[in-house]
Amino acid sequence: MLAAKLKAKYIKYCQFSTAVDRISALRLALWNGQTDIRVRPKGTSAAVLIRGNSSDVDVFGQIFIQNEYGCLLGTNTVDLVIDAGANVGYSSVYFLSRFPSCQLVAIEPDPANFAALRENLAPYGARATLHNCGIWSRPAQLAIESSLYRDGREWTRQVRECEPGERGDVTAITIGELLRQSGRERLSLLKMDIEGAEAVVFADAACQEWLKRTDAVAIELHDDTSFGEASNLFHAAIRDQHFQISHSGELTICRRS
């Protein structure tokens, strides 16, 4: 009975052989879900860490099996990618592999997620710059939110601005500052998944300065947080930016027309 179940699970994963190599598919099929595992997605140069008892396998499925970012592959020359809310780095690995000439900046505030991000991006060397901080509308001190959001797992970590006198967990950084630090005139692709804090970012008029220098945005919008309705704020911010808007899974995709 057990062998039959494992065989069925293996066949299921092998159906995704365009996304995961067959050895990795077999390892996933036999995985108990409790321990850490390392598998190599198809088209990448190194295996990535999937932590046991975590949301990592769900993120892995979205990016490498469901190919949520596949709609971006027709993008013209990609020079600079900012991965805001990089989690453990699967989206960063995807972009670094699909756009082999790009430089990437990955931002993740949660320390445990950041440790996995650092391991997963190590094979890409100087092409990837990592920041253990949070994306915000202005420089500030941020705290990792202690109350749980949605299912409370690793892919739902939120930050908030510190109260006066409160010690922060991480510093805040803006997209504009990251673009300035890169030395580039333009941002080829902004990927943003920051669990509602995008409402803070796009409510600030300062976003217009870097939005006009951004060629494409792939963002997950969250309207069920204390930050406010991110969708309305985001669409108001990009209204005059002449983006073509489409959707891929949970993502809103904006590209220059």
C-alpha atoms as a PDB file:
ATOM      1  CA  MET A   1       0.000   0.000   0.000  1.00  0.00           C
ATOM      2  CA  LEU A   2       2.765   2.433   0.948  1.00  0.00           C
ATOM      3  CA  ALA A   3       4.715   1.592  -2.214  1.00  0.00           C
ATOM      4  CA  ALA A   4       1.635   2.265  -4.333  1.00  0.00           C
ATOM      5  CA  LYS A   5       1.111   5.666  -2.714  1.00  0.00           C
ATOM      6  CA  LEU A   6       4.753   6.616  -3.254  1.00  0.00           C
ATOM      7  CA  LYS A   7       4.615   5.497  -6.870  1.00  0.00           C
ATOM      8  CA  ALA A   8       1.497   7.604  -7.487  1.00  0.00           C
ATOM      9  CA  LYS A   9       3.156  10.611  -5.873  1.00  0.00           C
ATOM     10  CA  TYR A  10       6.326  10.085  -7.949  1.00  0.00           C
ATOM     11  CA  ILE A  11       4.303   9.946 -11.177  1.00  0.00           C
ATOM     12  CA  LYS A  12       2.558  13.168 -10.180  1.00  0.00           C
ATOM     13  CA  TYR A  13       5.864  14.993  -9.747  1.00  0.00           C
ATOM     14  CA  CYS A  14       7.374  13.519 -12.907  1.00  0.00           C
ATOM     15  CA  GLN A  15       4.540  15.129 -14.844  1.00  0.00           C
ATOM     16  CA  PHE A  16       6.276  18.394 -13.954  1.00  0.00           C
ATOM     17  CA  SER A  17       9.626  17.303 -15.387  1.00  0.00           C
ATOM     18  CA  THR A  18       9.865  20.575 -17.309  1.00  0.00           C
ATOM     19  CA  ALA A  19      10.006  22.351 -13.937  1.00  0.00           C
ATOM     20  CA  VAL A  20      11.891  19.868 -11.759  1.00  0.00           C
ATOM     21  CA  ASP A  21      14.583  17.438 -12.894  1.00  0.00           C
ATOM     22  CA  ARG A  22      13.637  13.758 -12.535  1.00  0.00           C
ATOM     23  CA  ILE A  23      16.065  13.002  -9.698  1.00  0.00           C
ATOM     24  CA  SER A  24      14.646  15.935  -7.765  1.00  0.00           C
ATOM     25  CA  ALA A  25      11.122  14.792  -8.612  1.00  0.00           C
ATOM     26  CA  LEU A  26      11.884  11.400  -7.089  1.00  0.00           C
ATOM     27  CA  ARG A  27      13.353  13.008  -3.976  1.00  0.00           C
ATOM     28  CA  LEU A  28      10.248  15.160  -3.602  1.00  0.00           C
ATOM     29  CA  ALA A  29       8.032  12.126  -4.089  1.00  0.00           C
ATOM     30  CA  LEU A  30       9.803  10.241  -1.288  1.00  0.00           C
ATOM     31  CA  TRP A  31      10.122  13.277   0.997  1.00  0.00           C
ATOM     32  CA  ASN A  32       8.460  12.987   4.392  1.00  0.00           C
ATOM     33  CA  GLY A  33       7.790  16.723   4.614  1.00  0.00           C
ATOM     34  CA  GLN A  34       9.335  16.917   8.060  1.00  0.00           C
ATOM     35  CA  THR A  35      13.035  17.294   7.322  1.00  0.00           C
ATOM     36  CA  ASP A  36      14.975  19.736   5.158  1.00  0.00           C
ATOM     37  CA  ILE A  37      15.563  18.691   1.555  1.00  0.00           C
ATOM     38  CA  ARG A  38      17.529  20.126  -1.378  1.00  0.00           C
ATOM     39  CA  VAL A  39      16.242  19.787  -4.923  1.00  0.00           C
ATOM     40  CA  ARG A  40      17.282  21.323  -8.217  1.00  0.00           C
ATOM     41  CA  PRO A  41      14.557  22.990 -10.296  1.00  0.00           C
ATOM     42  CA  LYS A  42      14.854  22.453 -14.028  1.00  0.00           C
ATOM     43  CA  GLY A  43      16.874  25.168 -15.731  1.00  0.00           C
ATOM     44  CA  THR A  44      18.766  26.262 -12.618  1.00  0.00           C
ATOM     45  CA  SER A  45      22.428  25.685 -11.817  1.00  0.00           C
ATOM     46  CA  ALA A  46      22.106  24.518  -8.207  1.00  0.00           C
ATOM     47  CA  ALA A  47      19.752  22.838  -5.773  1.00  0.00           C
ATOM     48  CA  VAL A  48      17.647  24.943  -3.436  1.00  0.00           C
ATOM     49  CA  LEU A  49      16.785  24.321   0.201  1.00  0.00           C
ATOM     50  CA  ILE A  50      13.207  23.405   1.085  1.00  0.00           C
ATOM     51  CA  ARG A  51      12.770  23.480   4.843  1.00  0.00           C
ATOM     52  CA  GLY A  52      10.659  20.811   6.493  1.00  0.00           C
ATOM     53  CA  ASN A  53       7.417  21.788   8.225  1.00  0.00           C
ATOM     54  CA  SER A  54       7.347  25.142   6.460  1.00  0.00           C
ATOM     55  CA  SER A  55       5.592  27.027   3.680  1.00  0.00           C
ATOM     56  CA  ASP A  56       8.662  26.591   1.445  1.00  0.00           C
ATOM     57  CA  VAL A  57       7.226  23.713  -0.564  1.00  0.00           C
ATOM     58  CA  ASP A  58       4.124  25.789  -1.396  1.00  0.00           C
ATOM     59  CA  VAL A  59       6.273  28.686  -2.627  1.00  0.00           C
ATOM     60  CA  PHE A  60       8.418  26.212  -4.595  1.00  0.00           C
ATOM     61  CA  GLY A  61       5.267  24.904  -6.285  1.00  0.00           C
ATOM     62  CA  GLN A  62       4.037  28.371  -7.223  1.00  0.00           C
ATOM     63  CA  ILE A  63       7.313  29.426  -8.789  1.00  0.00           C
ATOM     64  CA  PHE A  64       8.856  26.303 -10.301  1.00  0.00           C
ATOM     65  CA  ILE A  65       5.841  24.060 -10.993  1.00  0.00           C
ATOM     66  CA  GLN A  66       2.974  26.477 -11.623  1.00  0.00           C
ATOM     67  CA  ASN A  67       5.495  28.825 -13.304  1.00  0.00           C
ATOM     68  CA  GLU A  68       3.776  31.929 -11.936  1.00  0.00           C
ATOM     69  CA  TYR A  69       6.452  34.265 -13.321  1.00  0.00           C
ATOM     70  CA  GLY A  70       6.596  32.591 -16.728  1.00  0.00           C
ATOM     71  CA  CYS A  71       4.618  35.436 -18.292  1.00  0.00           C
ATOM     72  CA  LEU A  72       7.656  37.689 -17.774  1.00  0.00           C
ATOM     73  CA  LEU A  73      10.001  35.615 -19.923  1.00  0.00           C
ATOM     74  CA  GLY A  74       9.271  37.697 -23.029  1.00  0.00           C
ATOM     75  CA  THR A  75      10.567  40.796 -21.272  1.00  0.00           C
ATOM     76  CA  ASN A  76      13.269  42.632 -23.215  1.00  0.00           C
ATOM     77  CA  THR A  77      16.841  42.805 -21.914  1.00  0.00           C
ATOM     78  CA  VAL A  78      16.701  42.551 -18.120  1.00  0.00           C
ATOM     79  CA  ASP A  79      19.532  44.366 -16.373  1.00  0.00           C
ATOM     80  CA  LEU A  80      18.375  44.984 -12.787  1.00  0.00           C
ATOM     81  CA  VAL A  81      15.823  43.020 -10.757  1.00  0.00           C
ATOM     82  CA  ILE A  82      14.688  43.960  -7.253  1.00  0.00           C
ATOM     83  CA  ASP A  83      13.041  41.103  -5.346  1.00  0.00           C
ATOM     84  CA  ALA A  84      11.173  42.846  -2.524  1.00  0.00           C
ATOM     85  CA  GLY A  85       9.984  40.218  -0.091  1.00  0.00           C
ATOM     86  CA  ALA A  86      12.325  37.523  -1.359  1.00  0.00           C
ATOM     87  CA  ASN A  87      11.371  34.958   1.305  1.00  0.00           C
ATOM     88  CA  VAL A  88      13.834  32.048   0.872  1.00  0.00           C
ATOM     89  CA  GLY A  89      14.891  33.103  -2.611  1.00  0.00           C
ATOM     90  CA  TYR A  90      12.995  30.904  -5.058  1.00  0.00           C
ATOM     91  CA  SER A  91      11.787  33.854  -7.124  1.00  0.00           C
ATOM     92  CA  SER A  92      15.324  35.268  -7.061  1.00  0.00           C
ATOM     93  CA  VAL A  93      16.728  31.948  -8.292  1.00  0.00           C
ATOM     94  CA  TYR A  94      14.093  31.906 -11.033  1.00  0.00           C
ATOM     95  CA  PHE A  95      15.022  35.395 -12.254  1.00  0.00           C
ATOM     96  CA  LEU A  96      18.780  34.823 -12.024  1.00  0.00           C
ATOM     97  CA  SER A  97      18.398  31.639 -14.069  1.00  0.00           C
ATOM     98  CA  ARG A  98      15.962  32.963 -16.679  1.00  0.00           C
ATOM     99  CA  PHE A  99      17.731  36.311 -17.095  1.00  0.00           C
ATOM    100  CA  PRO A 100      21.405  35.240 -17.062  1.00  0.00           C
ATOM    101  CA  SER A 101      22.821  38.742 -17.573  1.00  0.00           C
ATOM    102  CA  CYS A 102      20.826  40.439 -14.804  1.00  0.00           C
ATOM    103  CA  GLN A 103      21.948  41.728 -11.427  1.00  0.00           C
ATOM    104  CA  LEU A 104      19.496  41.088  -8.616  1.00  0.00           C
ATOM    105  CA  VAL A 105      18.851  42.736  -5.258  1.00  0.00           C
ATOM    106  CA  ALA A 106      16.908  40.605  -2.750  1.00  0.00           C
ATOM    107  CA  ILE A 107      15.269  42.026   0.375  1.00  0.00           C
ATOM    108  CA  GLU A 108      13.880  39.903   3.217  1.00  0.00           C
ATOM    109  CA  PRO A 109      13.261  41.038   6.813  1.00  0.00           C
ATOM    110  CA  ASP A 110      12.643  37.729   8.599  1.00  0.00           C
ATOM    111  CA  PRO A 111      15.948  36.353   9.958  1.00  0.00           C
ATOM    112  CA  ALA A 112      15.151  32.653   9.439  1.00  0.00           C
ATOM    113  CA  ASN A 113      13.906  33.245   5.900  1.00  0.00           C
ATOM    114  CA  PHE A 114      16.976  35.396   5.249  1.00  0.00           C
ATOM    115  CA  ALA A 115      19.329  32.593   6.330  1.00  0.00           C
ATOM    116  CA  ALA A 116      17.701  30.261   3.785  1.00  0.00           C
ATOM    117  CA  LEU A 117      17.769  33.030   1.165  1.00  0.00           C
ATOM    118  CA  ARG A 118      21.498  33.472   1.685  1.00  0.00           C
ATOM    119  CA  GLU A 119      22.110  29.737   1.202  1.00  0.00           C
ATOM    120  CA  ASN A 120      19.944  29.538  -1.909  1.00  0.00           C
ATOM    121  CA  LEU A 121      21.567  32.536  -3.602  1.00  0.00           C
ATOM    122  CA  ALA A 122      25.168  31.672  -2.683  1.00  0.00           C
ATOM    123  CA  PRO A 123      25.768  29.845  -6.028  1.00  0.00           C
ATOM    124  CA  TYR A 124      25.060  33.094  -7.914  1.00  0.00           C
ATOM    125  CA  GLY A 125      27.889  34.991  -6.244  1.00  0.00           C
ATOM    126  CA  ALA A 126      28.248  38.696  -6.986  1.00  0.00           C
ATOM    127  CA  ARG A 127      25.184  38.723  -9.252  1.00  0.00           C
ATOM    128  CA  ALA A 128      22.979  38.764  -6.143  1.00  0.00           C
ATOM    129  CA  THR A 129      23.014  41.421  -3.411  1.00  0.00           C
ATOM    130  CA  LEU A 130      21.100  40.584  -0.237  1.00  0.00           C
ATOM    131  CA  HIS A 131      19.598  42.911   2.367  1.00  0.00           C
ATOM    132  CA  ASN A 132      18.155  41.718   5.688  1.00  0.00           C
ATOM    133  CA  CYS A 133      15.744  44.657   5.960  1.00  0.00           C
ATOM    134  CA  GLY A 134      12.198  45.691   5.129  1.00  0.00           C
ATOM    135  CA  ILE A 135      10.744  47.664   2.235  1.00  0.00           C
ATOM    136  CA  TRP A 136       8.992  50.834   3.350  1.00  0.00           C
ATOM    137  CA  SER A 137       8.118  54.316   2.061  1.00  0.00           C
ATOM    138  CA  ARG A 138      10.931  56.063   3.969  1.00  0.00           C
ATOM    139  CA  PRO A 139      13.902  55.287   6.219  1.00  0.00           C
ATOM    140  CA  ALA A 140      12.680  53.924   9.560  1.00  0.00           C
ATOM    141  CA  GLN A 141      13.142  51.222  12.167  1.00  0.00           C
ATOM    142  CA  LEU A 142      10.865  48.225  11.665  1.00  0.00           C
ATOM    143  CA  ALA A 143       9.721  45.436  13.961  1.00  0.00           C
ATOM    144  CA  ILE A 144       8.780  41.929  12.845  1.00  0.00           C
ATOM    145  CA  GLU A 145       5.050  41.746  13.567  1.00  0.00           C
ATOM    146  CA  SER A 146       4.328  39.279  16.383  1.00  0.00           C
ATOM    147  CA  SER A 147       0.640  38.758  15.562  1.00  0.00           C
ATOM    148  CA  LEU A 148       0.027  36.143  12.897  1.00  0.00           C
ATOM    149  CA  TYR A 149      -1.234  37.024   9.428  1.00  0.00           C
ATOM    150  CA  ARG A 150      -3.284  34.559   7.377  1.00  0.00           C
ATOM    151  CA  ASP A 151      -1.952  31.037   8.034  1.00  0.00           C
ATOM    152  CA  GLY A 152       0.908  32.374  10.163  1.00  0.00           C
ATOM    153  CA  ARG A 153       3.564  30.432   8.278  1.00  0.00           C
ATOM    154  CA  GLU A 154       6.921  31.640   7.002  1.00  0.00           C
ATOM    155  CA  TRP A 155       5.570  33.153   3.776  1.00  0.00           C
ATOM    156  CA  THR A 156       3.281  35.565   5.688  1.00  0.00           C
ATOM    157  CA  ARG A 157       5.828  37.488   7.776  1.00  0.00           C
ATOM    158  CA  GLN A 158       4.928  41.156   8.223  1.00  0.00           C
ATOM    159  CA  VAL A 159       6.780  44.201   9.513  1.00  0.00           C
ATOM    160  CA  ARG A 160       5.497  47.389  11.132  1.00  0.00           C
ATOM    161  CA  GLU A 161       7.077  50.740  11.926  1.00  0.00           C
ATOM    162  CA  CYS A 162       8.432  50.932  15.456  1.00  0.00           C
ATOM    163  CA  GLU A 163       6.800  53.066  18.119  1.00  0.00           C
ATOM    164  CA  PRO A 164       8.874  55.939  19.548  1.00  0.00           C
ATOM    165  CA  GLY A 165      11.601  54.477  21.758  1.00  0.00           C
ATOM    166  CA  GLU A 166      11.003  50.928  20.536  1.00  0.00           C
ATOM    167  CA  ARG A 167      14.021  48.992  19.334  1.00  0.00           C
ATOM    168  CA  GLY A 168      13.644  47.750  15.777  1.00  0.00           C
ATOM    169  CA  ASP A 169      14.394  44.293  14.416  1.00  0.00           C
ATOM    170  CA  VAL A 170      15.478  45.579  11.001  1.00  0.00           C
ATOM    171  CA  THR A 171      15.926  48.867   9.202  1.00  0.00           C
ATOM    172  CA  ALA A 172      13.652  50.043   6.419  1.00  0.00           C
ATOM    173  CA  ILE A 173      14.853  50.762   2.910  1.00  0.00           C
ATOM    174  CA  THR A 174      13.042  52.290  -0.056  1.00  0.00           C
ATOM    175  CA  ILE A 175      12.928  51.131  -3.659  1.00  0.00           C
ATOM    176  CA  GLY A 176      14.323  54.513  -4.658  1.00  0.00           C
ATOM    177  CA  GLU A 177      17.344  54.027  -2.403  1.00  0.00           C
ATOM    178  CA  LEU A 178      17.963  50.527  -3.754  1.00  0.00           C
ATOM    179  CA  LEU A 179      17.860  51.882  -7.295  1.00  0.00           C
ATOM    180  CA  ARG A 180      20.289  54.644  -6.325  1.00  0.00           C
ATOM    181  CA  GLN A 181      22.674  52.139  -4.726  1.00  0.00           C
ATOM    182  CA  SER A 182      22.595  49.983  -7.857  1.00  0.00           C
ATOM    183  CA  GLY A 183      24.041  52.777  -9.972  1.00  0.00           C
ATOM    184  CA  ARG A 184      21.445  52.038 -12.674  1.00  0.00           C
ATOM    185  CA  GLU A 185      19.218  54.577 -14.329  1.00  0.00           C
ATOM    186  CA  ARG A 186      16.360  52.122 -14.711  1.00  0.00           C
ATOM    187  CA  LEU A 187      14.850  49.183 -12.873  1.00  0.00           C
ATOM    188  CA  SER A 188      14.065  46.369 -15.311  1.00  0.00           C
ATOM    189  CA  LEU A 189      11.785  44.391 -12.993  1.00  0.00           C
ATOM    190  CA  LEU A 190      10.364  44.965  -9.539  1.00  0.00           C
ATOM    191  CA  LYS A 191       8.923  41.866  -7.907  1.00  0.00           C
ATOM    192  CA  MET A 192       7.055  42.760  -4.713  1.00  0.00           C
ATOM    193  CA  ASP A 193       5.380  40.467  -2.192  1.00  0.00           C
ATOM    194  CA  ILE A 194       5.566  42.217   1.182  1.00  0.00           C
ATOM    195  CA  GLU A 195       2.365  41.085   2.893  1.00  0.00           C
ATOM    196  CA  GLY A 196       0.412  44.320   2.795  1.00  0.00           C
ATOM    197  CA  ALA A 197       3.208  46.837   3.324  1.00  0.00           C
ATOM    198  CA  GLU A 198       2.893  47.694  -0.366  1.00  0.00           C
ATOM    199  CA  ALA A 199      -0.014  49.909   0.763  1.00  0.00           C
ATOM    200  CA  VAL A 200       2.488  52.016   2.710  1.00  0.00           C
ATOM    201  CA  VAL A 201       4.906  52.152  -0.228  1.00  0.00           C
ATOM    202  CA  PHE A 202       2.367  53.225  -2.858  1.00  0.00           C
ATOM    203  CA  ALA A 203       0.464  55.637  -0.611  1.00  0.00           C
ATOM    204  CA  ASP A 204       3.563  57.851  -0.616  1.00  0.00           C
ATOM    205  CA  ALA A 205       3.917  60.208  -3.573  1.00  0.00           C
ATOM    206  CA  ALA A 206       7.672  59.568  -3.548  1.00  0.00           C
ATOM    207  CA  CYS A 207       7.035  56.271  -5.355  1.00  0.00           C
ATOM    208  CA  GLN A 208       6.396  58.234  -8.559  1.00  0.00           C
ATOM    209  CA  GLU A 209      10.082  59.080  -8.861  1.00  0.00           C
ATOM    210  CA  TRP A 210      11.208  55.469  -9.169  1.00  0.00           C
ATOM    211  CA  LEU A 211       8.029  54.150 -10.836  1.00  0.00           C
ATOM    212  CA  LYS A 212       8.731  56.281 -13.916  1.00  0.00           C
ATOM    213  CA  ARG A 213      12.134  54.549 -14.127  1.00  0.00           C
ATOM    214  CA  THR A 214      10.676  51.026 -13.777  1.00  0.00           C
ATOM    215  CA  ASP A 215       9.995  48.854 -16.817  1.00  0.00           C
ATOM    216  CA  ALA A 216       7.941  46.047 -15.244  1.00  0.00           C
ATOM    217  CA  VAL A 217       6.282  45.216 -11.923  1.00  0.00           C
ATOM    218  CA  ALA A 218       5.095  41.839 -10.640  1.00  0.00           C
ATOM    219  CA  ILE A 219       3.246  42.374  -7.373  1.00  0.00           C
ATOM    220  CA  GLU A 220       1.032  40.390  -5.025  1.00  0.00           C
ATOM    221  CA  LEU A 221      -1.550  42.766  -3.583  1.00  0.00           C
ATOM    222  CA  HIS A 222      -3.042  42.264  -0.112  1.00  0.00           C
ATOM    223  CA  ASP A 223      -6.278  44.019   0.827  1.00  0.00           C
ATOM    224  CA  ASP A 224      -6.872  42.238   4.139  1.00  0.00           C
ATOM    225  CA  THR A 225      -4.228  43.851   6.350  1.00  0.00           C
ATOM    226  CA  SER A 226      -4.075  46.735   8.805  1.00  0.00           C
ATOM    227  CA  PHE A 227      -2.102  48.709   6.208  1.00  0.00           C
ATOM    228  CA  GLY A 228      -5.232  49.382   4.146  1.00  0.00           C
ATOM    229  CA  GLU A 229      -6.502  48.349   0.711  1.00  0.00           C
ATOM    230  CA  ALA A 230      -3.317  47.920  -1.254  1.00  0.00           C
ATOM    231  CA  SER A 231      -5.068  47.365  -4.595  1.00  0.00           C
ATOM    232  CA  ASN A 232      -6.653  50.818  -4.676  1.00  0.00           C
ATOM    233  CA  LEU A 233      -3.452  52.556  -3.580  1.00  0.00           C
ATOM    234  CA  PHE A 234      -1.323  50.656  -6.087  1.00  0.00           C
ATOM    235  CA  HIS A 235      -3.586  51.251  -9.065  1.00  0.00           C
ATOM    236  CA  ALA A 236      -3.892  54.936  -8.182  1.00  0.00           C
ATOM    237  CA  ALA A 237      -0.092  55.186  -8.041  1.00  0.00           C
ATOM    238  CA  ILE A 238       0.440  53.607 -11.474  1.00  0.00           C
ATOM    239  CA  ARG A 239      -2.514  55.314 -13.174  1.00  0.00           C
ATOM    240  CA  ASP A 240      -0.339  57.689 -15.242  1.00  0.00           C
ATOM    241  CA  GLN A 241       2.574  55.310 -15.758  1.00  0.00           C
ATOM    242  CA  HIS A 242       1.298  53.785 -19.042  1.00  0.00           C
ATOM    243  CA  PHE A 243       1.635  50.165 -17.922  1.00  0.00           C
ATOM    244  CA  GLN A 244      -0.185  47.296 -19.593  1.00  0.00           C
ATOM    245  CA  ILE A 245      -1.790  45.274 -16.790  1.00  0.00           C
ATOM    246  CA  SER A 246      -2.366  41.513 -16.708  1.00  0.00           C
ATOM    247  CA  HIS A 247      -2.562  38.775 -14.086  1.00  0.00           C
ATOM    248  CA  SER A 248      -0.757  35.513 -13.386  1.00  0.00           C
ATOM    249  CA  GLY A 249      -1.999  33.487 -10.442  1.00  0.00           C
ATOM    250  CA  GLU A 250      -1.982  35.841  -7.455  1.00  0.00           C
ATOM    251  CA  LEU A 251       0.234  38.338  -9.249  1.00  0.00           C
ATOM    252  CA  THR A 252      -0.642  41.622 -10.903  1.00  0.00           C
ATOM    253  CA  ILE A 253       1.769  42.176 -13.800  1.00  0.00           C
ATOM    254  CA  CYS A 254       2.502  45.650 -15.145  1.00  0.00           C
ATOM    255  CA  ARG A 255       4.673  46.198 -18.223  1.00  0.00           C
ATOM    256  CA  ARG A 256       5.526  49.260 -20.229  1.00  0.00           C
ATOM    257  CA  SER A 257       3.352  49.609 -23.305  1.00  0.00           C
END
